[in-house]
Amino acid sequence: MPQHEAVFRFTSEHAESIYRSLLPELEDEVNTRSAITCRLEGSTTLVLTVTAQDTSSLRAALNMYLRLVNVADEVTGIAKKPAE
């Protein structure tokens, strides 16, 4: 069966925090139709790789993980802002 793959590289000063926030989701993932890997390149680049058996599975996994990355980045940014 053909494999579909999408690779995203996010550059952020919060890359390590985002990576740590995704780890619990990655460890509990048990979907047989898609696989997700996440790694750091240096201290500022997060690499998210999603592979799936079909485009529907790829889209579903991408929707979930891109949303998680976005939320983690927003929350980390808010948490690290100095008090105004």
PDB file of N, CA and C in Angstrom:
ATOM      1  N   MET A   1       0.851  -1.183   0.000  1.00  0.00           N
ATOM      2  CA  MET A   1       0.000   0.000   0.000  1.00  0.00           C
ATOM      3  C   MET A   1       0.894   1.244   0.000  1.00  0.00           C
ATOM      4  N   PRO A   2       0.552   2.260  -0.793  1.00  0.00           N
ATOM      5  CA  PRO A   2       1.387   3.468  -0.861  1.00  0.00           C
ATOM      6  C   PRO A   2       1.419   4.220   0.470  1.00  0.00           C
ATOM      7  N   GLN A   3       2.526   4.830   0.719  1.00  0.00           N
ATOM      8  CA  GLN A   3       2.690   5.660   1.916  1.00  0.00           C
ATOM      9  C   GLN A   3       2.646   7.124   1.507  1.00  0.00           C
ATOM     10  N   HIS A   4       2.023   7.918   2.333  1.00  0.00           N
ATOM     11  CA  HIS A   4       1.975   9.362   2.144  1.00  0.00           C
ATOM     12  C   HIS A   4       2.747   9.975   3.300  1.00  0.00           C
ATOM     13  N   GLU A   5       3.485  11.043   3.019  1.00  0.00           N
ATOM     14  CA  GLU A   5       4.317  11.638   4.064  1.00  0.00           C
ATOM     15  C   GLU A   5       4.285  13.161   3.974  1.00  0.00           C
ATOM     16  N   ALA A   6       4.298  13.773   5.138  1.00  0.00           N
ATOM     17  CA  ALA A   6       4.409  15.227   5.230  1.00  0.00           C
ATOM     18  C   ALA A   6       5.439  15.541   6.305  1.00  0.00           C
ATOM     19  N   VAL A   7       6.331  16.468   6.004  1.00  0.00           N
ATOM     20  CA  VAL A   7       7.371  16.869   6.949  1.00  0.00           C
ATOM     21  C   VAL A   7       7.273  18.376   7.153  1.00  0.00           C
ATOM     22  N   PHE A   8       7.209  18.786   8.405  1.00  0.00           N
ATOM     23  CA  PHE A   8       7.147  20.203   8.759  1.00  0.00           C
ATOM     24  C   PHE A   8       8.318  20.550   9.649  1.00  0.00           C
ATOM     25  N   ARG A   9       8.936  21.690   9.376  1.00  0.00           N
ATOM     26  CA  ARG A   9      10.003  22.224  10.222  1.00  0.00           C
ATOM     27  C   ARG A   9       9.522  23.556  10.785  1.00  0.00           C
ATOM     28  N   PHE A  10       9.458  23.632  12.110  1.00  0.00           N
ATOM     29  CA  PHE A  10       9.020  24.843  12.793  1.00  0.00           C
ATOM     30  C   PHE A  10      10.219  25.466  13.478  1.00  0.00           C
ATOM     31  N   THR A  11      10.465  26.722  13.202  1.00  0.00           N
ATOM     32  CA  THR A  11      11.533  27.442  13.880  1.00  0.00           C
ATOM     33  C   THR A  11      10.901  28.345  14.927  1.00  0.00           C
ATOM     34  N   SER A  12      11.312  28.129  16.167  1.00  0.00           N
ATOM     35  CA  SER A  12      10.731  28.884  17.267  1.00  0.00           C
ATOM     36  C   SER A  12      11.709  28.875  18.430  1.00  0.00           C
ATOM     37  N   GLU A  13      11.727  29.972  19.168  1.00  0.00           N
ATOM     38  CA  GLU A  13      12.551  29.989  20.370  1.00  0.00           C
ATOM     39  C   GLU A  13      11.971  29.043  21.420  1.00  0.00           C
ATOM     40  N   HIS A  14      10.736  28.572  21.201  1.00  0.00           N
ATOM     41  CA  HIS A  14      10.064  27.662  22.132  1.00  0.00           C
ATOM     42  C   HIS A  14      10.101  26.207  21.645  1.00  0.00           C
ATOM     43  N   ALA A  15      10.945  25.889  20.677  1.00  0.00           N
ATOM     44  CA  ALA A  15      10.944  24.555  20.062  1.00  0.00           C
ATOM     45  C   ALA A  15      11.084  23.436  21.088  1.00  0.00           C
ATOM     46  N   GLU A  16      11.970  23.601  22.043  1.00  0.00           N
ATOM     47  CA  GLU A  16      12.181  22.541  23.032  1.00  0.00           C
ATOM     48  C   GLU A  16      10.953  22.361  23.925  1.00  0.00           C
ATOM     49  N   SER A  17      10.331  23.439  24.330  1.00  0.00           N
ATOM     50  CA  SER A  17       9.119  23.353  25.148  1.00  0.00           C
ATOM     51  C   SER A  17       7.974  22.713  24.366  1.00  0.00           C
ATOM     52  N   ILE A  18       7.844  23.075  23.110  1.00  0.00           N
ATOM     53  CA  ILE A  18       6.804  22.485  22.268  1.00  0.00           C
ATOM     54  C   ILE A  18       7.047  20.986  22.126  1.00  0.00           C
ATOM     55  N   TYR A  19       8.285  20.615  21.877  1.00  0.00           N
ATOM     56  CA  TYR A  19       8.652  19.201  21.748  1.00  0.00           C
ATOM     57  C   TYR A  19       8.270  18.432  23.014  1.00  0.00           C
ATOM     58  N   ARG A  20       8.635  18.962  24.166  1.00  0.00           N
ATOM     59  CA  ARG A  20       8.311  18.285  25.437  1.00  0.00           C
ATOM     60  C   ARG A  20       6.806  18.179  25.640  1.00  0.00           C
ATOM     61  N   SER A  21       6.058  19.171  25.191  1.00  0.00           N
ATOM     62  CA  SER A  21       4.604  19.119  25.359  1.00  0.00           C
ATOM     63  C   SER A  21       3.961  18.080  24.436  1.00  0.00           C
ATOM     64  N   LEU A  22       4.602  17.762  23.317  1.00  0.00           N
ATOM     65  CA  LEU A  22       4.065  16.761  22.394  1.00  0.00           C
ATOM     66  C   LEU A  22       4.416  15.326  22.796  1.00  0.00           C
ATOM     67  N   LEU A  23       5.452  15.144  23.584  1.00  0.00           N
ATOM     68  CA  LEU A  23       5.914  13.795  23.919  1.00  0.00           C
ATOM     69  C   LEU A  23       4.825  12.876  24.482  1.00  0.00           C
ATOM     70  N   PRO A  24       3.998  13.315  25.436  1.00  0.00           N
ATOM     71  CA  PRO A  24       2.961  12.404  25.937  1.00  0.00           C
ATOM     72  C   PRO A  24       2.014  11.909  24.838  1.00  0.00           C
ATOM     73  N   GLU A  25       1.652  12.786  23.911  1.00  0.00           N
ATOM     74  CA  GLU A  25       0.788  12.376  22.800  1.00  0.00           C
ATOM     75  C   GLU A  25       1.491  11.368  21.894  1.00  0.00           C
ATOM     76  N   LEU A  26       2.764  11.606  21.640  1.00  0.00           N
ATOM     77  CA  LEU A  26       3.521  10.716  20.764  1.00  0.00           C
ATOM     78  C   LEU A  26       3.703   9.340  21.382  1.00  0.00           C
ATOM     79  N   GLU A  27       3.888   9.286  22.694  1.00  0.00           N
ATOM     80  CA  GLU A  27       4.090   8.008  23.379  1.00  0.00           C
ATOM     81  C   GLU A  27       2.806   7.191  23.438  1.00  0.00           C
ATOM     82  N   ASP A  28       1.661   7.843  23.487  1.00  0.00           N
ATOM     83  CA  ASP A  28       0.378   7.140  23.600  1.00  0.00           C
ATOM     84  C   ASP A  28      -0.265   6.842  22.249  1.00  0.00           C
ATOM     85  N   GLU A  29       0.335   7.272  21.167  1.00  0.00           N
ATOM     86  CA  GLU A  29      -0.256   7.115  19.832  1.00  0.00           C
ATOM     87  C   GLU A  29      -0.328   5.627  19.458  1.00  0.00           C
ATOM     88  N   VAL A  30      -1.529   5.160  19.114  1.00  0.00           N
ATOM     89  CA  VAL A  30      -1.716   3.756  18.736  1.00  0.00           C
ATOM     90  C   VAL A  30      -2.531   3.620  17.445  1.00  0.00           C
ATOM     91  N   ASN A  31      -2.436   4.596  16.578  1.00  0.00           N
ATOM     92  CA  ASN A  31      -3.155   4.564  15.314  1.00  0.00           C
ATOM     93  C   ASN A  31      -2.413   3.654  14.339  1.00  0.00           C
ATOM     94  N   THR A  32      -3.107   2.678  13.780  1.00  0.00           N
ATOM     95  CA  THR A  32      -2.459   1.733  12.861  1.00  0.00           C
ATOM     96  C   THR A  32      -2.360   2.279  11.431  1.00  0.00           C
ATOM     97  N   ARG A  33      -3.063   3.386  11.158  1.00  0.00           N
ATOM     98  CA  ARG A  33      -3.062   3.928   9.800  1.00  0.00           C
ATOM     99  C   ARG A  33      -2.092   5.083   9.596  1.00  0.00           C
ATOM    100  N   SER A  34      -1.529   5.613  10.686  1.00  0.00           N
ATOM    101  CA  SER A  34      -0.568   6.707  10.548  1.00  0.00           C
ATOM    102  C   SER A  34       0.499   6.606  11.638  1.00  0.00           C
ATOM    103  N   ALA A  35       1.621   7.244  11.374  1.00  0.00           N
ATOM    104  CA  ALA A  35       2.721   7.267  12.342  1.00  0.00           C
ATOM    105  C   ALA A  35       3.283   8.682  12.387  1.00  0.00           C
ATOM    106  N   ILE A  36       3.616   9.143  13.580  1.00  0.00           N
ATOM    107  CA  ILE A  36       4.118  10.496  13.763  1.00  0.00           C
ATOM    108  C   ILE A  36       5.433  10.426  14.506  1.00  0.00           C
ATOM    109  N   THR A  37       6.425  11.150  14.004  1.00  0.00           N
ATOM    110  CA  THR A  37       7.681  11.305  14.723  1.00  0.00           C
ATOM    111  C   THR A  37       7.948  12.791  14.881  1.00  0.00           C
ATOM    112  N   CYS A  38       8.642  13.105  15.954  1.00  0.00           N
ATOM    113  CA  CYS A  38       8.964  14.488  16.252  1.00  0.00           C
ATOM    114  C   CYS A  38      10.372  14.513  16.807  1.00  0.00           C
ATOM    115  N   ARG A  39      11.161  15.479  16.375  1.00  0.00           N
ATOM    116  CA  ARG A  39      12.532  15.595  16.875  1.00  0.00           C
ATOM    117  C   ARG A  39      12.959  17.047  16.836  1.00  0.00           C
ATOM    118  N   LEU A  40      14.025  17.320  17.565  1.00  0.00           N
ATOM    119  CA  LEU A  40      14.607  18.659  17.567  1.00  0.00           C
ATOM    120  C   LEU A  40      15.837  18.681  16.678  1.00  0.00           C
ATOM    121  N   GLU A  41      15.997  19.757  15.945  1.00  0.00           N
ATOM    122  CA  GLU A  41      17.234  20.038  15.207  1.00  0.00           C
ATOM    123  C   GLU A  41      17.798  21.286  15.851  1.00  0.00           C
ATOM    124  N   GLY A  42      18.823  21.115  16.638  1.00  0.00           N
ATOM    125  CA  GLY A  42      19.350  22.247  17.383  1.00  0.00           C
ATOM    126  C   GLY A  42      18.368  22.626  18.476  1.00  0.00           C
ATOM    127  N   SER A  43      18.446  23.858  18.913  1.00  0.00           N
ATOM    128  CA  SER A  43      17.567  24.287  20.010  1.00  0.00           C
ATOM    129  C   SER A  43      16.353  25.082  19.525  1.00  0.00           C
ATOM    130  N   THR A  44      16.291  25.374  18.224  1.00  0.00           N
ATOM    131  CA  THR A  44      15.200  26.231  17.749  1.00  0.00           C
ATOM    132  C   THR A  44      14.360  25.636  16.622  1.00  0.00           C
ATOM    133  N   THR A  45      14.622  24.407  16.219  1.00  0.00           N
ATOM    134  CA  THR A  45      13.859  23.813  15.120  1.00  0.00           C
ATOM    135  C   THR A  45      13.234  22.495  15.541  1.00  0.00           C
ATOM    136  N   LEU A  46      11.928  22.425  15.383  1.00  0.00           N
ATOM    137  CA  LEU A  46      11.154  21.222  15.665  1.00  0.00           C
ATOM    138  C   LEU A  46      10.774  20.607  14.324  1.00  0.00           C
ATOM    139  N   VAL A  47      11.037  19.313  14.153  1.00  0.00           N
ATOM    140  CA  VAL A  47      10.709  18.616  12.909  1.00  0.00           C
ATOM    141  C   VAL A  47       9.615  17.601  13.202  1.00  0.00           C
ATOM    142  N   LEU A  48       8.488  17.747  12.530  1.00  0.00           N
ATOM    143  CA  LEU A  48       7.345  16.865  12.689  1.00  0.00           C
ATOM    144  C   LEU A  48       7.164  16.100  11.383  1.00  0.00           C
ATOM    145  N   THR A  49       7.189  14.773  11.460  1.00  0.00           N
ATOM    146  CA  THR A  49       7.015  13.925  10.282  1.00  0.00           C
ATOM    147  C   THR A  49       5.796  13.046  10.490  1.00  0.00           C
ATOM    148  N   VAL A  50       4.890  13.089   9.524  1.00  0.00           N
ATOM    149  CA  VAL A  50       3.673  12.292   9.583  1.00  0.00           C
ATOM    150  C   VAL A  50       3.631  11.408   8.345  1.00  0.00           C
ATOM    151  N   THR A  51       3.482  10.107   8.559  1.00  0.00           N
ATOM    152  CA  THR A  51       3.305   9.171   7.446  1.00  0.00           C
ATOM    153  C   THR A  51       1.980   8.451   7.650  1.00  0.00           C
ATOM    154  N   ALA A  52       1.328   8.126   6.537  1.00  0.00           N
ATOM    155  CA  ALA A  52       0.025   7.468   6.622  1.00  0.00           C
ATOM    156  C   ALA A  52      -0.197   6.585   5.409  1.00  0.00           C
ATOM    157  N   GLN A  53      -1.105   5.635   5.584  1.00  0.00           N
ATOM    158  CA  GLN A  53      -1.431   4.709   4.508  1.00  0.00           C
ATOM    159  C   GLN A  53      -2.285   5.367   3.424  1.00  0.00           C
ATOM    160  N   ASP A  54      -3.074   6.364   3.809  1.00  0.00           N
ATOM    161  CA  ASP A  54      -3.963   7.009   2.844  1.00  0.00           C
ATOM    162  C   ASP A  54      -4.068   8.494   3.173  1.00  0.00           C
ATOM    163  N   THR A  55      -4.595   9.246   2.243  1.00  0.00           N
ATOM    164  CA  THR A  55      -4.659  10.700   2.422  1.00  0.00           C
ATOM    165  C   THR A  55      -5.618  11.116   3.535  1.00  0.00           C
ATOM    166  N   SER A  56      -6.673  10.354   3.754  1.00  0.00           N
ATOM    167  CA  SER A  56      -7.601  10.683   4.844  1.00  0.00           C
ATOM    168  C   SER A  56      -6.914  10.576   6.197  1.00  0.00           C
ATOM    169  N   SER A  57      -6.136   9.534   6.378  1.00  0.00           N
ATOM    170  CA  SER A  57      -5.398   9.353   7.633  1.00  0.00           C
ATOM    171  C   SER A  57      -4.331  10.422   7.795  1.00  0.00           C
ATOM    172  N   LEU A  58      -3.678  10.765   6.702  1.00  0.00           N
ATOM    173  CA  LEU A  58      -2.660  11.811   6.743  1.00  0.00           C
ATOM    174  C   LEU A  58      -3.292  13.138   7.155  1.00  0.00           C
ATOM    175  N   ARG A  59      -4.406  13.482   6.557  1.00  0.00           N
ATOM    176  CA  ARG A  59      -5.089  14.730   6.886  1.00  0.00           C
ATOM    177  C   ARG A  59      -5.526  14.761   8.347  1.00  0.00           C
ATOM    178  N   ALA A  60      -6.076  13.675   8.837  1.00  0.00           N
ATOM    179  CA  ALA A  60      -6.537  13.625  10.228  1.00  0.00           C
ATOM    180  C   ALA A  60      -5.371  13.796  11.197  1.00  0.00           C
ATOM    181  N   ALA A  61      -4.267  13.098  10.945  1.00  0.00           N
ATOM    182  CA  ALA A  61      -3.103  13.205  11.820  1.00  0.00           C
ATOM    183  C   ALA A  61      -2.504  14.608  11.750  1.00  0.00           C
ATOM    184  N   LEU A  62      -2.429  15.177  10.555  1.00  0.00           N
ATOM    185  CA  LEU A  62      -1.904  16.531  10.408  1.00  0.00           C
ATOM    186  C   LEU A  62      -2.769  17.543  11.137  1.00  0.00           C
ATOM    187  N   ASN A  63      -4.077  17.433  10.996  1.00  0.00           N
ATOM    188  CA  ASN A  63      -4.973  18.354  11.699  1.00  0.00           C
ATOM    189  C   ASN A  63      -4.709  18.326  13.198  1.00  0.00           C
ATOM    190  N   MET A  64      -4.595  17.140  13.747  1.00  0.00           N
ATOM    191  CA  MET A  64      -4.393  17.024  15.185  1.00  0.00           C
ATOM    192  C   MET A  64      -3.043  17.584  15.621  1.00  0.00           C
ATOM    193  N   TYR A  65      -1.970  17.155  14.968  1.00  0.00           N
ATOM    194  CA  TYR A  65      -0.638  17.548  15.428  1.00  0.00           C
ATOM    195  C   TYR A  65      -0.304  19.000  15.104  1.00  0.00           C
ATOM    196  N   LEU A  66      -0.770  19.512  13.990  1.00  0.00           N
ATOM    197  CA  LEU A  66      -0.537  20.931  13.705  1.00  0.00           C
ATOM    198  C   LEU A  66      -1.284  21.805  14.706  1.00  0.00           C
ATOM    199  N   ARG A  67      -2.470  21.368  15.089  1.00  0.00           N
ATOM    200  CA  ARG A  67      -3.221  22.099  16.117  1.00  0.00           C
ATOM    201  C   ARG A  67      -2.481  22.044  17.457  1.00  0.00           C
ATOM    202  N   LEU A  68      -1.957  20.873  17.815  1.00  0.00           N
ATOM    203  CA  LEU A  68      -1.217  20.743  19.075  1.00  0.00           C
ATOM    204  C   LEU A  68       0.040  21.616  19.083  1.00  0.00           C
ATOM    205  N   VAL A  69       0.757  21.648  17.973  1.00  0.00           N
ATOM    206  CA  VAL A  69       1.956  22.494  17.882  1.00  0.00           C
ATOM    207  C   VAL A  69       1.560  23.957  18.042  1.00  0.00           C
ATOM    208  N   ASN A  70       0.506  24.364  17.377  1.00  0.00           N
ATOM    209  CA  ASN A  70       0.060  25.755  17.456  1.00  0.00           C
ATOM    210  C   ASN A  70      -0.334  26.131  18.882  1.00  0.00           C
ATOM    211  N   VAL A  71      -1.113  25.299  19.529  1.00  0.00           N
ATOM    212  CA  VAL A  71      -1.541  25.585  20.900  1.00  0.00           C
ATOM    213  C   VAL A  71      -0.345  25.615  21.839  1.00  0.00           C
ATOM    214  N   ALA A  72       0.560  24.651  21.712  1.00  0.00           N
ATOM    215  CA  ALA A  72       1.747  24.619  22.574  1.00  0.00           C
ATOM    216  C   ALA A  72       2.592  25.871  22.385  1.00  0.00           C
ATOM    217  N   ASP A  73       2.742  26.330  21.146  1.00  0.00           N
ATOM    218  CA  ASP A  73       3.521  27.538  20.886  1.00  0.00           C
ATOM    219  C   ASP A  73       2.852  28.763  21.497  1.00  0.00           C
ATOM    220  N   GLU A  74       1.539  28.872  21.330  1.00  0.00           N
ATOM    221  CA  GLU A  74       0.819  30.015  21.893  1.00  0.00           C
ATOM    222  C   GLU A  74       0.907  30.032  23.420  1.00  0.00           C
ATOM    223  N   VAL A  75       0.687  28.889  24.047  1.00  0.00           N
ATOM    224  CA  VAL A  75       0.709  28.821  25.503  1.00  0.00           C
ATOM    225  C   VAL A  75       2.109  29.089  26.037  1.00  0.00           C
ATOM    226  N   THR A  76       3.122  28.543  25.392  1.00  0.00           N
ATOM    227  CA  THR A  76       4.494  28.773  25.824  1.00  0.00           C
ATOM    228  C   THR A  76       4.845  30.245  25.697  1.00  0.00           C
ATOM    229  N   GLY A  77       4.410  30.873  24.613  1.00  0.00           N
ATOM    230  CA  GLY A  77       4.663  32.295  24.422  1.00  0.00           C
ATOM    231  C   GLY A  77       3.997  33.141  25.478  1.00  0.00           C
ATOM    232  N   ILE A  78       2.771  32.805  25.836  1.00  0.00           N
ATOM    233  CA  ILE A  78       2.060  33.546  26.875  1.00  0.00           C
ATOM    234  C   ILE A  78       2.730  33.351  28.224  1.00  0.00           C
ATOM    235  N   ALA A  79       3.107  32.104  28.519  1.00  0.00           N
ATOM    236  CA  ALA A  79       3.706  31.788  29.823  1.00  0.00           C
ATOM    237  C   ALA A  79       5.060  32.450  30.008  1.00  0.00           C
ATOM    238  N   LYS A  80       5.783  32.692  28.928  1.00  0.00           N
ATOM    239  CA  LYS A  80       7.128  33.268  29.032  1.00  0.00           C
ATOM    240  C   LYS A  80       7.168  34.777  28.886  1.00  0.00           C
ATOM    241  N   LYS A  81       6.003  35.409  28.629  1.00  0.00           N
ATOM    242  CA  LYS A  81       5.980  36.866  28.516  1.00  0.00           C
ATOM    243  C   LYS A  81       6.190  37.488  29.900  1.00  0.00           C
ATOM    244  N   PRO A  82       6.981  38.543  29.972  1.00  0.00           N
ATOM    245  CA  PRO A  82       7.128  39.226  31.265  1.00  0.00           C
ATOM    246  C   PRO A  82       5.821  39.919  31.660  1.00  0.00           C
ATOM    247  N   ALA A  83       5.612  40.047  32.932  1.00  0.00           N
ATOM    248  CA  ALA A  83       4.393  40.700  33.426  1.00  0.00           C
ATOM    249  C   ALA A  83       4.368  42.151  32.958  1.00  0.00           C
ATOM    250  N   GLU A  84       3.219  42.592  32.509  1.00  0.00           N
ATOM    251  CA  GLU A  84       3.091  43.965  32.027  1.00  0.00           C
ATOM    252  C   GLU A  84       2.527  44.860  33.094  1.00  0.00           C
TER     253      GLU A  84
END
